Amino acid sequence: MINHHDDHHAHDHVHDPGVSSVSIVCEGNLDLEKANIWLGTLLLERSDDIYRMKGLLSVQGMNERFVFQGVHDIFQGSPDRPWGPNEPRTNKIVFIGKNLDAQELEKGFKGCLL
């Protein structure tokens, strides 16, 4: 599942009208090395357009949820609490920025799944 949101909600500060978000939600286990390479390349090429990203990931070989966040060209992540016994291992990631191509982001992310 992929969602693309234009940011039109009310706040006490002004948003750039070109800012939007792309959310990707999918099941499957992630190859962490592939994901690191993909995210690093994406941020190197698009650091001016991607303001923020964060996610909760199901990484192959890990019993813990993997939580990560990034701002422009810097990102980091670490294991979180263990997945619950009946909790679906669902990946959830959101990108916030401008000129975001939802299909390109989804294709790149899903290319990191095993």
PDB file of N, CA and C in Angstrom:
ATOM      1  N   MET A   1       0.844  -1.156   0.000  1.00  0.00           N
ATOM      2  CA  MET A   1       0.000   0.000   0.000  1.00  0.00           C
ATOM      3  C   MET A   1       0.896   1.227   0.000  1.00  0.00           C
ATOM      4  N   ILE A   2       0.515   2.223  -0.751  1.00  0.00           N
ATOM      5  CA  ILE A   2       1.290   3.456  -0.821  1.00  0.00           C
ATOM      6  C   ILE A   2       0.330   4.623  -0.725  1.00  0.00           C
ATOM      7  N   ASN A   3       0.707   5.619   0.017  1.00  0.00           N
ATOM      8  CA  ASN A   3      -0.119   6.812   0.174  1.00  0.00           C
ATOM      9  C   ASN A   3       0.717   8.023  -0.152  1.00  0.00           C
ATOM     10  N   HIS A   4       0.110   8.988  -0.807  1.00  0.00           N
ATOM     11  CA  HIS A   4       0.774  10.245  -1.137  1.00  0.00           C
ATOM     12  C   HIS A   4      -0.117  11.353  -0.603  1.00  0.00           C
ATOM     13  N   HIS A   5       0.430  12.203   0.242  1.00  0.00           N
ATOM     14  CA  HIS A   5      -0.366  13.244   0.879  1.00  0.00           C
ATOM     15  C   HIS A   5       0.215  14.610   0.582  1.00  0.00           C
ATOM     16  N   ASP A   6      -0.625  15.526   0.117  1.00  0.00           N
ATOM     17  CA  ASP A   6      -0.219  16.919   0.064  1.00  0.00           C
ATOM     18  C   ASP A   6      -0.504  17.504   1.426  1.00  0.00           C
ATOM     19  N   ASP A   7       0.378  18.352   1.900  1.00  0.00           N
ATOM     20  CA  ASP A   7       0.298  18.872   3.260  1.00  0.00           C
ATOM     21  C   ASP A   7      -0.577  20.127   3.285  1.00  0.00           C
ATOM     22  N   HIS A   8      -1.878  19.955   3.596  1.00  0.00           N
ATOM     23  CA  HIS A   8      -2.805  21.080   3.609  1.00  0.00           C
ATOM     24  C   HIS A   8      -3.495  21.257   4.950  1.00  0.00           C
ATOM     25  N   HIS A   9      -2.974  20.703   6.034  1.00  0.00           N
ATOM     26  CA  HIS A   9      -3.636  20.840   7.321  1.00  0.00           C
ATOM     27  C   HIS A   9      -3.193  22.128   8.009  1.00  0.00           C
ATOM     28  N   ALA A  10      -4.006  22.593   8.946  1.00  0.00           N
ATOM     29  CA  ALA A  10      -3.769  23.882   9.600  1.00  0.00           C
ATOM     30  C   ALA A  10      -2.703  23.773  10.683  1.00  0.00           C
ATOM     31  N   HIS A  11      -1.794  24.736  10.686  1.00  0.00           N
ATOM     32  CA  HIS A  11      -0.763  24.874  11.713  1.00  0.00           C
ATOM     33  C   HIS A  11      -0.558  26.361  11.957  1.00  0.00           C
ATOM     34  N   ASP A  12       0.227  26.667  12.980  1.00  0.00           N
ATOM     35  CA  ASP A  12       0.524  28.066  13.240  1.00  0.00           C
ATOM     36  C   ASP A  12       1.799  28.511  12.526  1.00  0.00           C
ATOM     37  N   HIS A  13       2.262  27.722  11.566  1.00  0.00           N
ATOM     38  CA  HIS A  13       3.411  28.116  10.766  1.00  0.00           C
ATOM     39  C   HIS A  13       3.108  27.827   9.298  1.00  0.00           C
ATOM     40  N   VAL A  14       3.906  28.393   8.415  1.00  0.00           N
ATOM     41  CA  VAL A  14       3.639  28.305   6.985  1.00  0.00           C
ATOM     42  C   VAL A  14       4.430  27.151   6.376  1.00  0.00           C
ATOM     43  N   HIS A  15       3.749  26.356   5.540  1.00  0.00           N
ATOM     44  CA  HIS A  15       4.394  25.270   4.806  1.00  0.00           C
ATOM     45  C   HIS A  15       4.603  25.698   3.367  1.00  0.00           C
ATOM     46  N   ASP A  16       5.651  25.206   2.776  1.00  0.00           N
ATOM     47  CA  ASP A  16       5.862  25.357   1.352  1.00  0.00           C
ATOM     48  C   ASP A  16       4.772  24.546   0.656  1.00  0.00           C
ATOM     49  N   PRO A  17       4.027  25.137  -0.272  1.00  0.00           N
ATOM     50  CA  PRO A  17       2.937  24.389  -0.915  1.00  0.00           C
ATOM     51  C   PRO A  17       3.420  23.180  -1.714  1.00  0.00           C
ATOM     52  N   GLY A  18       4.706  23.103  -2.013  1.00  0.00           N
ATOM     53  CA  GLY A  18       5.227  21.963  -2.756  1.00  0.00           C
ATOM     54  C   GLY A  18       5.601  20.779  -1.881  1.00  0.00           C
ATOM     55  N   VAL A  19       5.464  20.925  -0.564  1.00  0.00           N
ATOM     56  CA  VAL A  19       5.839  19.854   0.353  1.00  0.00           C
ATOM     57  C   VAL A  19       4.733  18.807   0.398  1.00  0.00           C
ATOM     58  N   SER A  20       5.129  17.543   0.311  1.00  0.00           N
ATOM     59  CA  SER A  20       4.166  16.448   0.387  1.00  0.00           C
ATOM     60  C   SER A  20       4.825  15.281   1.116  1.00  0.00           C
ATOM     61  N   SER A  21       4.056  14.230   1.325  1.00  0.00           N
ATOM     62  CA  SER A  21       4.604  13.034   1.961  1.00  0.00           C
ATOM     63  C   SER A  21       4.189  11.803   1.171  1.00  0.00           C
ATOM     64  N   VAL A  22       5.026  10.795   1.254  1.00  0.00           N
ATOM     65  CA  VAL A  22       4.744   9.499   0.638  1.00  0.00           C
ATOM     66  C   VAL A  22       4.920   8.449   1.722  1.00  0.00           C
ATOM     67  N   SER A  23       3.886   7.644   1.936  1.00  0.00           N
ATOM     68  CA  SER A  23       3.936   6.560   2.919  1.00  0.00           C
ATOM     69  C   SER A  23       3.890   5.224   2.192  1.00  0.00           C
ATOM     70  N   ILE A  24       4.722   4.305   2.642  1.00  0.00           N
ATOM     71  CA  ILE A  24       4.744   2.955   2.088  1.00  0.00           C
ATOM     72  C   ILE A  24       4.518   1.986   3.238  1.00  0.00           C
ATOM     73  N   VAL A  25       3.548   1.101   3.077  1.00  0.00           N
ATOM     74  CA  VAL A  25       3.251   0.076   4.077  1.00  0.00           C
ATOM     75  C   VAL A  25       3.188  -1.258   3.340  1.00  0.00           C
ATOM     76  N   CYS A  26       4.034  -2.205   3.753  1.00  0.00           N
ATOM     77  CA  CYS A  26       4.011  -3.516   3.106  1.00  0.00           C
ATOM     78  C   CYS A  26       4.624  -4.558   4.032  1.00  0.00           C
ATOM     79  N   GLU A  27       4.198  -5.795   3.842  1.00  0.00           N
ATOM     80  CA  GLU A  27       4.760  -6.897   4.613  1.00  0.00           C
ATOM     81  C   GLU A  27       5.968  -7.453   3.876  1.00  0.00           C
ATOM     82  N   GLY A  28       6.768  -8.205   4.601  1.00  0.00           N
ATOM     83  CA  GLY A  28       7.960  -8.811   4.024  1.00  0.00           C
ATOM     84  C   GLY A  28       9.181  -8.454   4.843  1.00  0.00           C
ATOM     85  N   ASN A  29      10.231  -9.245   4.680  1.00  0.00           N
ATOM     86  CA  ASN A  29      11.476  -8.992   5.394  1.00  0.00           C
ATOM     87  C   ASN A  29      12.446  -8.246   4.500  1.00  0.00           C
ATOM     88  N   LEU A  30      13.112  -7.293   5.101  1.00  0.00           N
ATOM     89  CA  LEU A  30      14.010  -6.395   4.397  1.00  0.00           C
ATOM     90  C   LEU A  30      15.450  -6.887   4.494  1.00  0.00           C
ATOM     91  N   ASP A  31      16.179  -6.775   3.402  1.00  0.00           N
ATOM     92  CA  ASP A  31      17.623  -6.994   3.401  1.00  0.00           C
ATOM     93  C   ASP A  31      18.244  -5.669   3.845  1.00  0.00           C
ATOM     94  N   LEU A  32      18.775  -5.619   5.061  1.00  0.00           N
ATOM     95  CA  LEU A  32      19.260  -4.365   5.642  1.00  0.00           C
ATOM     96  C   LEU A  32      20.401  -3.764   4.830  1.00  0.00           C
ATOM     97  N   GLU A  33      21.279  -4.592   4.295  1.00  0.00           N
ATOM     98  CA  GLU A  33      22.391  -4.072   3.488  1.00  0.00           C
ATOM     99  C   GLU A  33      21.872  -3.397   2.219  1.00  0.00           C
ATOM    100  N   LYS A  34      20.937  -4.052   1.528  1.00  0.00           N
ATOM    101  CA  LYS A  34      20.340  -3.445   0.326  1.00  0.00           C
ATOM    102  C   LYS A  34      19.632  -2.144   0.673  1.00  0.00           C
ATOM    103  N   ALA A  35      18.901  -2.138   1.797  1.00  0.00           N
ATOM    104  CA  ALA A  35      18.171  -0.936   2.207  1.00  0.00           C
ATOM    105  C   ALA A  35      19.131   0.207   2.515  1.00  0.00           C
ATOM    106  N   ASN A  36      20.243  -0.084   3.185  1.00  0.00           N
ATOM    107  CA  ASN A  36      21.239   0.951   3.481  1.00  0.00           C
ATOM    108  C   ASN A  36      21.817   1.545   2.205  1.00  0.00           C
ATOM    109  N   ILE A  37      22.121   0.691   1.244  1.00  0.00           N
ATOM    110  CA  ILE A  37      22.672   1.166  -0.028  1.00  0.00           C
ATOM    111  C   ILE A  37      21.636   2.011  -0.763  1.00  0.00           C
ATOM    112  N   TRP A  38      20.394   1.521  -0.828  1.00  0.00           N
ATOM    113  CA  TRP A  38      19.343   2.255  -1.533  1.00  0.00           C
ATOM    114  C   TRP A  38      19.082   3.608  -0.875  1.00  0.00           C
ATOM    115  N   LEU A  39      18.916   3.624   0.446  1.00  0.00           N
ATOM    116  CA  LEU A  39      18.648   4.887   1.140  1.00  0.00           C
ATOM    117  C   LEU A  39      19.828   5.846   1.014  1.00  0.00           C
ATOM    118  N   GLY A  40      21.041   5.333   1.138  1.00  0.00           N
ATOM    119  CA  GLY A  40      22.221   6.189   1.000  1.00  0.00           C
ATOM    120  C   GLY A  40      22.302   6.829  -0.373  1.00  0.00           C
ATOM    121  N   THR A  41      22.053   6.033  -1.413  1.00  0.00           N
ATOM    122  CA  THR A  41      22.070   6.549  -2.783  1.00  0.00           C
ATOM    123  C   THR A  41      20.941   7.545  -3.004  1.00  0.00           C
ATOM    124  N   LEU A  42      19.749   7.198  -2.523  1.00  0.00           N
ATOM    125  CA  LEU A  42      18.594   8.080  -2.660  1.00  0.00           C
ATOM    126  C   LEU A  42      18.868   9.433  -2.013  1.00  0.00           C
ATOM    127  N   LEU A  43      19.399   9.421  -0.809  1.00  0.00           N
ATOM    128  CA  LEU A  43      19.648  10.674  -0.103  1.00  0.00           C
ATOM    129  C   LEU A  43      20.799  11.453  -0.721  1.00  0.00           C
ATOM    130  N   LEU A  44      21.782  10.759  -1.253  1.00  0.00           N
ATOM    131  CA  LEU A  44      22.877  11.441  -1.932  1.00  0.00           C
ATOM    132  C   LEU A  44      22.360  12.183  -3.163  1.00  0.00           C
ATOM    133  N   GLU A  45      21.478  11.524  -3.911  1.00  0.00           N
ATOM    134  CA  GLU A  45      20.950  12.106  -5.146  1.00  0.00           C
ATOM    135  C   GLU A  45      19.823  13.105  -4.900  1.00  0.00           C
ATOM    136  N   ARG A  46      19.066  12.933  -3.802  1.00  0.00           N
ATOM    137  CA  ARG A  46      17.849  13.730  -3.598  1.00  0.00           C
ATOM    138  C   ARG A  46      17.818  14.466  -2.263  1.00  0.00           C
ATOM    139  N   SER A  47      18.983  14.751  -1.669  1.00  0.00           N
ATOM    140  CA  SER A  47      19.006  15.354  -0.327  1.00  0.00           C
ATOM    141  C   SER A  47      18.323  16.719  -0.283  1.00  0.00           C
ATOM    142  N   ASP A  48      18.306  17.449  -1.395  1.00  0.00           N
ATOM    143  CA  ASP A  48      17.613  18.743  -1.412  1.00  0.00           C
ATOM    144  C   ASP A  48      16.102  18.580  -1.415  1.00  0.00           C
ATOM    145  N   ASP A  49      15.608  17.433  -1.888  1.00  0.00           N
ATOM    146  CA  ASP A  49      14.165  17.210  -2.000  1.00  0.00           C
ATOM    147  C   ASP A  49      13.584  16.431  -0.825  1.00  0.00           C
ATOM    148  N   ILE A  50      14.373  15.579  -0.192  1.00  0.00           N
ATOM    149  CA  ILE A  50      13.864  14.770   0.921  1.00  0.00           C
ATOM    150  C   ILE A  50      14.249  15.452   2.224  1.00  0.00           C
ATOM    151  N   TYR A  51      13.234  16.011   2.889  1.00  0.00           N
ATOM    152  CA  TYR A  51      13.472  16.745   4.135  1.00  0.00           C
ATOM    153  C   TYR A  51      13.586  15.803   5.327  1.00  0.00           C
ATOM    154  N   ARG A  52      12.733  14.784   5.340  1.00  0.00           N
ATOM    155  CA  ARG A  52      12.688  13.895   6.501  1.00  0.00           C
ATOM    156  C   ARG A  52      12.144  12.542   6.064  1.00  0.00           C
ATOM    157  N   MET A  53      12.588  11.505   6.760  1.00  0.00           N
ATOM    158  CA  MET A  53      12.021  10.177   6.562  1.00  0.00           C
ATOM    159  C   MET A  53      12.113   9.437   7.882  1.00  0.00           C
ATOM    160  N   LYS A  54      11.191   8.540   8.070  1.00  0.00           N
ATOM    161  CA  LYS A  54      11.226   7.703   9.270  1.00  0.00           C
ATOM    162  C   LYS A  54      10.493   6.420   8.974  1.00  0.00           C
ATOM    163  N   GLY A  55      10.808   5.404   9.744  1.00  0.00           N
ATOM    164  CA  GLY A  55      10.160   4.141   9.471  1.00  0.00           C
ATOM    165  C   GLY A  55      10.340   3.114  10.563  1.00  0.00           C
ATOM    166  N   LEU A  56       9.534   2.088  10.429  1.00  0.00           N
ATOM    167  CA  LEU A  56       9.551   0.909  11.288  1.00  0.00           C
ATOM    168  C   LEU A  56       9.678  -0.271  10.328  1.00  0.00           C
ATOM    169  N   LEU A  57      10.757  -1.039  10.461  1.00  0.00           N
ATOM    170  CA  LEU A  57      11.076  -2.042   9.458  1.00  0.00           C
ATOM    171  C   LEU A  57      11.180  -3.443  10.038  1.00  0.00           C
ATOM    172  N   SER A  58      10.834  -4.417   9.207  1.00  0.00           N
ATOM    173  CA  SER A  58      11.008  -5.832   9.524  1.00  0.00           C
ATOM    174  C   SER A  58      12.254  -6.312   8.787  1.00  0.00           C
ATOM    175  N   VAL A  59      13.338  -6.502   9.528  1.00  0.00           N
ATOM    176  CA  VAL A  59      14.626  -6.857   8.929  1.00  0.00           C
ATOM    177  C   VAL A  59      14.860  -8.360   9.039  1.00  0.00           C
ATOM    178  N   GLN A  60      15.269  -8.963   7.930  1.00  0.00           N
ATOM    179  CA  GLN A  60      15.582 -10.390   7.891  1.00  0.00           C
ATOM    180  C   GLN A  60      16.601 -10.738   8.972  1.00  0.00           C
ATOM    181  N   GLY A  61      16.307 -11.781   9.750  1.00  0.00           N
ATOM    182  CA  GLY A  61      17.231 -12.255  10.765  1.00  0.00           C
ATOM    183  C   GLY A  61      17.169 -11.520  12.093  1.00  0.00           C
ATOM    184  N   MET A  62      16.309 -10.516  12.218  1.00  0.00           N
ATOM    185  CA  MET A  62      16.179  -9.774  13.474  1.00  0.00           C
ATOM    186  C   MET A  62      14.829 -10.071  14.103  1.00  0.00           C
ATOM    187  N   ASN A  63      14.817 -10.337  15.393  1.00  0.00           N
ATOM    188  CA  ASN A  63      13.556 -10.532  16.111  1.00  0.00           C
ATOM    189  C   ASN A  63      12.976  -9.219  16.602  1.00  0.00           C
ATOM    190  N   GLU A  64      13.772  -8.140  16.501  1.00  0.00           N
ATOM    191  CA  GLU A  64      13.310  -6.824  16.941  1.00  0.00           C
ATOM    192  C   GLU A  64      12.852  -5.999  15.745  1.00  0.00           C
ATOM    193  N   ARG A  65      11.947  -5.083  16.034  1.00  0.00           N
ATOM    194  CA  ARG A  65      11.565  -4.092  15.038  1.00  0.00           C
ATOM    195  C   ARG A  65      12.766  -3.166  14.846  1.00  0.00           C
ATOM    196  N   PHE A  66      12.991  -2.701  13.639  1.00  0.00           N
ATOM    197  CA  PHE A  66      14.102  -1.792  13.364  1.00  0.00           C
ATOM    198  C   PHE A  66      13.507  -0.420  13.092  1.00  0.00           C
ATOM    199  N   VAL A  67      13.894   0.553  13.904  1.00  0.00           N
ATOM    200  CA  VAL A  67      13.362   1.911  13.795  1.00  0.00           C
ATOM    201  C   VAL A  67      14.447   2.801  13.202  1.00  0.00           C
ATOM    202  N   PHE A  68      14.072   3.621  12.225  1.00  0.00           N
ATOM    203  CA  PHE A  68      15.067   4.529  11.665  1.00  0.00           C
ATOM    204  C   PHE A  68      14.442   5.885  11.375  1.00  0.00           C
ATOM    205  N   GLN A  69      15.312   6.877  11.248  1.00  0.00           N
ATOM    206  CA  GLN A  69      14.889   8.218  10.869  1.00  0.00           C
ATOM    207  C   GLN A  69      16.025   8.893  10.122  1.00  0.00           C
ATOM    208  N   GLY A  70      15.670   9.883   9.347  1.00  0.00           N
ATOM    209  CA  GLY A  70      16.677  10.618   8.603  1.00  0.00           C
ATOM    210  C   GLY A  70      16.227  12.040   8.346  1.00  0.00           C
ATOM    211  N   VAL A  71      17.201  12.918   8.241  1.00  0.00           N
ATOM    212  CA  VAL A  71      16.962  14.318   7.899  1.00  0.00           C
ATOM    213  C   VAL A  71      17.956  14.669   6.794  1.00  0.00           C
ATOM    214  N   HIS A  72      17.437  15.112   5.658  1.00  0.00           N
ATOM    215  CA  HIS A  72      18.246  15.415   4.473  1.00  0.00           C
ATOM    216  C   HIS A  72      19.161  14.234   4.160  1.00  0.00           C
ATOM    217  N   ASP A  73      20.480  14.381   4.249  1.00  0.00           N
ATOM    218  CA  ASP A  73      21.364  13.287   3.832  1.00  0.00           C
ATOM    219  C   ASP A  73      21.933  12.480   4.998  1.00  0.00           C
ATOM    220  N   ILE A  74      21.356  12.614   6.178  1.00  0.00           N
ATOM    221  CA  ILE A  74      21.806  11.870   7.354  1.00  0.00           C
ATOM    222  C   ILE A  74      20.691  10.930   7.796  1.00  0.00           C
ATOM    223  N   PHE A  75      21.005   9.653   7.994  1.00  0.00           N
ATOM    224  CA  PHE A  75      20.001   8.736   8.528  1.00  0.00           C
ATOM    225  C   PHE A  75      20.659   7.736   9.458  1.00  0.00           C
ATOM    226  N   GLN A  76      19.870   7.256  10.409  1.00  0.00           N
ATOM    227  CA  GLN A  76      20.361   6.284  11.387  1.00  0.00           C
ATOM    228  C   GLN A  76      19.210   5.407  11.829  1.00  0.00           C
ATOM    229  N   GLY A  77      19.546   4.235  12.332  1.00  0.00           N
ATOM    230  CA  GLY A  77      18.521   3.327  12.819  1.00  0.00           C
ATOM    231  C   GLY A  77      19.085   2.387  13.854  1.00  0.00           C
ATOM    232  N   SER A  78      18.171   1.738  14.570  1.00  0.00           N
ATOM    233  CA  SER A  78      18.585   0.784  15.598  1.00  0.00           C
ATOM    234  C   SER A  78      17.429  -0.158  15.915  1.00  0.00           C
ATOM    235  N   PRO A  79      17.764  -1.331  16.467  1.00  0.00           N
ATOM    236  CA  PRO A  79      16.707  -2.256  16.883  1.00  0.00           C
ATOM    237  C   PRO A  79      15.866  -1.647  17.999  1.00  0.00           C
ATOM    238  N   ASP A  80      14.597  -1.992  18.009  1.00  0.00           N
ATOM    239  CA  ASP A  80      13.631  -1.519  18.999  1.00  0.00           C
ATOM    240  C   ASP A  80      13.204  -2.740  19.812  1.00  0.00           C
ATOM    241  N   ARG A  81      12.008  -2.744  20.270  1.00  0.00           N
ATOM    242  CA  ARG A  81      11.484  -3.880  21.036  1.00  0.00           C
ATOM    243  C   ARG A  81      11.236  -5.078  20.113  1.00  0.00           C
ATOM    244  N   PRO A  82      11.171  -6.280  20.680  1.00  0.00           N
ATOM    245  CA  PRO A  82      10.877  -7.462  19.855  1.00  0.00           C
ATOM    246  C   PRO A  82       9.470  -7.385  19.245  1.00  0.00           C
ATOM    247  N   TRP A  83       9.329  -8.012  18.085  1.00  0.00           N
ATOM    248  CA  TRP A  83       8.005  -8.144  17.482  1.00  0.00           C
ATOM    249  C   TRP A  83       7.149  -9.006  18.409  1.00  0.00           C
ATOM    250  N   GLY A  84       5.884  -8.660  18.550  1.00  0.00           N
ATOM    251  CA  GLY A  84       4.969  -9.461  19.353  1.00  0.00           C
ATOM    252  C   GLY A  84       4.677 -10.787  18.674  1.00  0.00           C
ATOM    253  N   PRO A  85       4.257 -11.812  19.439  1.00  0.00           N
ATOM    254  CA  PRO A  85       4.021 -13.141  18.861  1.00  0.00           C
ATOM    255  C   PRO A  85       2.940 -13.144  17.777  1.00  0.00           C
ATOM    256  N   ASN A  86       1.941 -12.283  17.885  1.00  0.00           N
ATOM    257  CA  ASN A  86       0.870 -12.219  16.880  1.00  0.00           C
ATOM    258  C   ASN A  86       0.913 -10.925  16.079  1.00  0.00           C
ATOM    259  N   GLU A  87       1.991 -10.170  16.221  1.00  0.00           N
ATOM    260  CA  GLU A  87       2.117  -8.885  15.529  1.00  0.00           C
ATOM    261  C   GLU A  87       2.624  -9.113  14.105  1.00  0.00           C
ATOM    262  N   PRO A  88       1.907  -8.615  13.096  1.00  0.00           N
ATOM    263  CA  PRO A  88       2.399  -8.782  11.726  1.00  0.00           C
ATOM    264  C   PRO A  88       3.687  -7.981  11.519  1.00  0.00           C
ATOM    265  N   ARG A  89       4.642  -8.581  10.836  1.00  0.00           N
ATOM    266  CA  ARG A  89       5.924  -7.910  10.572  1.00  0.00           C
ATOM    267  C   ARG A  89       5.745  -7.010   9.353  1.00  0.00           C
ATOM    268  N   THR A  90       5.174  -5.853   9.617  1.00  0.00           N
ATOM    269  CA  THR A  90       4.835  -4.903   8.569  1.00  0.00           C
ATOM    270  C   THR A  90       5.846  -3.763   8.544  1.00  0.00           C
ATOM    271  N   ASN A  91       6.325  -3.439   7.356  1.00  0.00           N
ATOM    272  CA  ASN A  91       7.213  -2.296   7.156  1.00  0.00           C
ATOM    273  C   ASN A  91       6.364  -1.052   6.962  1.00  0.00           C
ATOM    274  N   LYS A  92       6.751   0.022   7.626  1.00  0.00           N
ATOM    275  CA  LYS A  92       6.068   1.309   7.477  1.00  0.00           C
ATOM    276  C   LYS A  92       7.144   2.371   7.340  1.00  0.00           C
ATOM    277  N   ILE A  93       7.085   3.120   6.249  1.00  0.00           N
ATOM    278  CA  ILE A  93       8.086   4.152   6.011  1.00  0.00           C
ATOM    279  C   ILE A  93       7.398   5.373   5.419  1.00  0.00           C
ATOM    280  N   VAL A  94       7.833   6.556   5.824  1.00  0.00           N
ATOM    281  CA  VAL A  94       7.263   7.792   5.295  1.00  0.00           C
ATOM    282  C   VAL A  94       8.399   8.730   4.895  1.00  0.00           C
ATOM    283  N   PHE A  95       8.220   9.358   3.750  1.00  0.00           N
ATOM    284  CA  PHE A  95       9.142  10.369   3.245  1.00  0.00           C
ATOM    285  C   PHE A  95       8.403  11.698   3.214  1.00  0.00           C
ATOM    286  N   ILE A  96       9.050  12.764   3.645  1.00  0.00           N
ATOM    287  CA  ILE A  96       8.483  14.110   3.584  1.00  0.00           C
ATOM    288  C   ILE A  96       9.458  14.962   2.786  1.00  0.00           C
ATOM    289  N   GLY A  97       8.929  15.673   1.793  1.00  0.00           N
ATOM    290  CA  GLY A  97       9.805  16.507   0.980  1.00  0.00           C
ATOM    291  C   GLY A  97       9.062  17.121  -0.181  1.00  0.00           C
ATOM    292  N   LYS A  98       9.805  17.442  -1.227  1.00  0.00           N
ATOM    293  CA  LYS A  98       9.205  18.017  -2.432  1.00  0.00           C
ATOM    294  C   LYS A  98       9.614  17.170  -3.627  1.00  0.00           C
ATOM    295  N   ASN A  99       8.823  17.239  -4.668  1.00  0.00           N
ATOM    296  CA  ASN A  99       9.090  16.487  -5.903  1.00  0.00           C
ATOM    297  C   ASN A  99       9.254  14.991  -5.644  1.00  0.00           C
ATOM    298  N   LEU A 100       8.443  14.453  -4.740  1.00  0.00           N
ATOM    299  CA  LEU A 100       8.532  13.031  -4.406  1.00  0.00           C
ATOM    300  C   LEU A 100       7.761  12.204  -5.430  1.00  0.00           C
ATOM    301  N   ASP A 101       8.390  11.189  -5.957  1.00  0.00           N
ATOM    302  CA  ASP A 101       7.764  10.277  -6.912  1.00  0.00           C
ATOM    303  C   ASP A 101       7.377   9.008  -6.153  1.00  0.00           C
ATOM    304  N   ALA A 102       6.091   8.874  -5.847  1.00  0.00           N
ATOM    305  CA  ALA A 102       5.610   7.773  -5.013  1.00  0.00           C
ATOM    306  C   ALA A 102       5.945   6.413  -5.619  1.00  0.00           C
ATOM    307  N   GLN A 103       5.761   6.256  -6.926  1.00  0.00           N
ATOM    308  CA  GLN A 103       6.035   4.966  -7.564  1.00  0.00           C
ATOM    309  C   GLN A 103       7.529   4.636  -7.523  1.00  0.00           C
ATOM    310  N   GLU A 104       8.373   5.632  -7.733  1.00  0.00           N
ATOM    311  CA  GLU A 104       9.824   5.420  -7.679  1.00  0.00           C
ATOM    312  C   GLU A 104      10.258   5.001  -6.275  1.00  0.00           C
ATOM    313  N   LEU A 105       9.723   5.666  -5.254  1.00  0.00           N
ATOM    314  CA  LEU A 105      10.078   5.332  -3.877  1.00  0.00           C
ATOM    315  C   LEU A 105       9.602   3.929  -3.510  1.00  0.00           C
ATOM    316  N   GLU A 106       8.372   3.593  -3.909  1.00  0.00           N
ATOM    317  CA  GLU A 106       7.849   2.260  -3.604  1.00  0.00           C
ATOM    318  C   GLU A 106       8.668   1.178  -4.308  1.00  0.00           C
ATOM    319  N   LYS A 107       8.984   1.393  -5.572  1.00  0.00           N
ATOM    320  CA  LYS A 107       9.772   0.413  -6.327  1.00  0.00           C
ATOM    321  C   LYS A 107      11.149   0.226  -5.685  1.00  0.00           C
ATOM    322  N   GLY A 108      11.794   1.317  -5.296  1.00  0.00           N
ATOM    323  CA  GLY A 108      13.104   1.233  -4.665  1.00  0.00           C
ATOM    324  C   GLY A 108      13.055   0.501  -3.341  1.00  0.00           C
ATOM    325  N   PHE A 109      12.035   0.815  -2.527  1.00  0.00           N
ATOM    326  CA  PHE A 109      11.910   0.160  -1.227  1.00  0.00           C
ATOM    327  C   PHE A 109      11.630  -1.328  -1.396  1.00  0.00           C
ATOM    328  N   LYS A 110      10.679  -1.656  -2.249  1.00  0.00           N
ATOM    329  CA  LYS A 110      10.320  -3.068  -2.441  1.00  0.00           C
ATOM    330  C   LYS A 110      11.462  -3.863  -3.063  1.00  0.00           C
ATOM    331  N   GLY A 111      12.377  -3.189  -3.751  1.00  0.00           N
ATOM    332  CA  GLY A 111      13.560  -3.850  -4.283  1.00  0.00           C
ATOM    333  C   GLY A 111      14.521  -4.311  -3.193  1.00  0.00           C
ATOM    334  N   CYS A 112      14.319  -3.829  -1.974  1.00  0.00           N
ATOM    335  CA  CYS A 112      15.158  -4.223  -0.833  1.00  0.00           C
ATOM    336  C   CYS A 112      14.557  -5.378  -0.044  1.00  0.00           C
ATOM    337  N   LEU A 113      13.352  -5.810  -0.424  1.00  0.00           N
ATOM    338  CA  LEU A 113      12.703  -6.927   0.265  1.00  0.00           C
ATOM    339  C   LEU A 113      13.241  -8.250  -0.254  1.00  0.00           C
ATOM    340  N   LEU A 114      13.240  -9.245   0.618  1.00  0.00           N
ATOM    341  CA  LEU A 114      13.689 -10.587   0.224  1.00  0.00           C
ATOM    342  C   LEU A 114      12.523 -11.410  -0.281  1.00  0.00           C
TER     343      LEU A 114
END
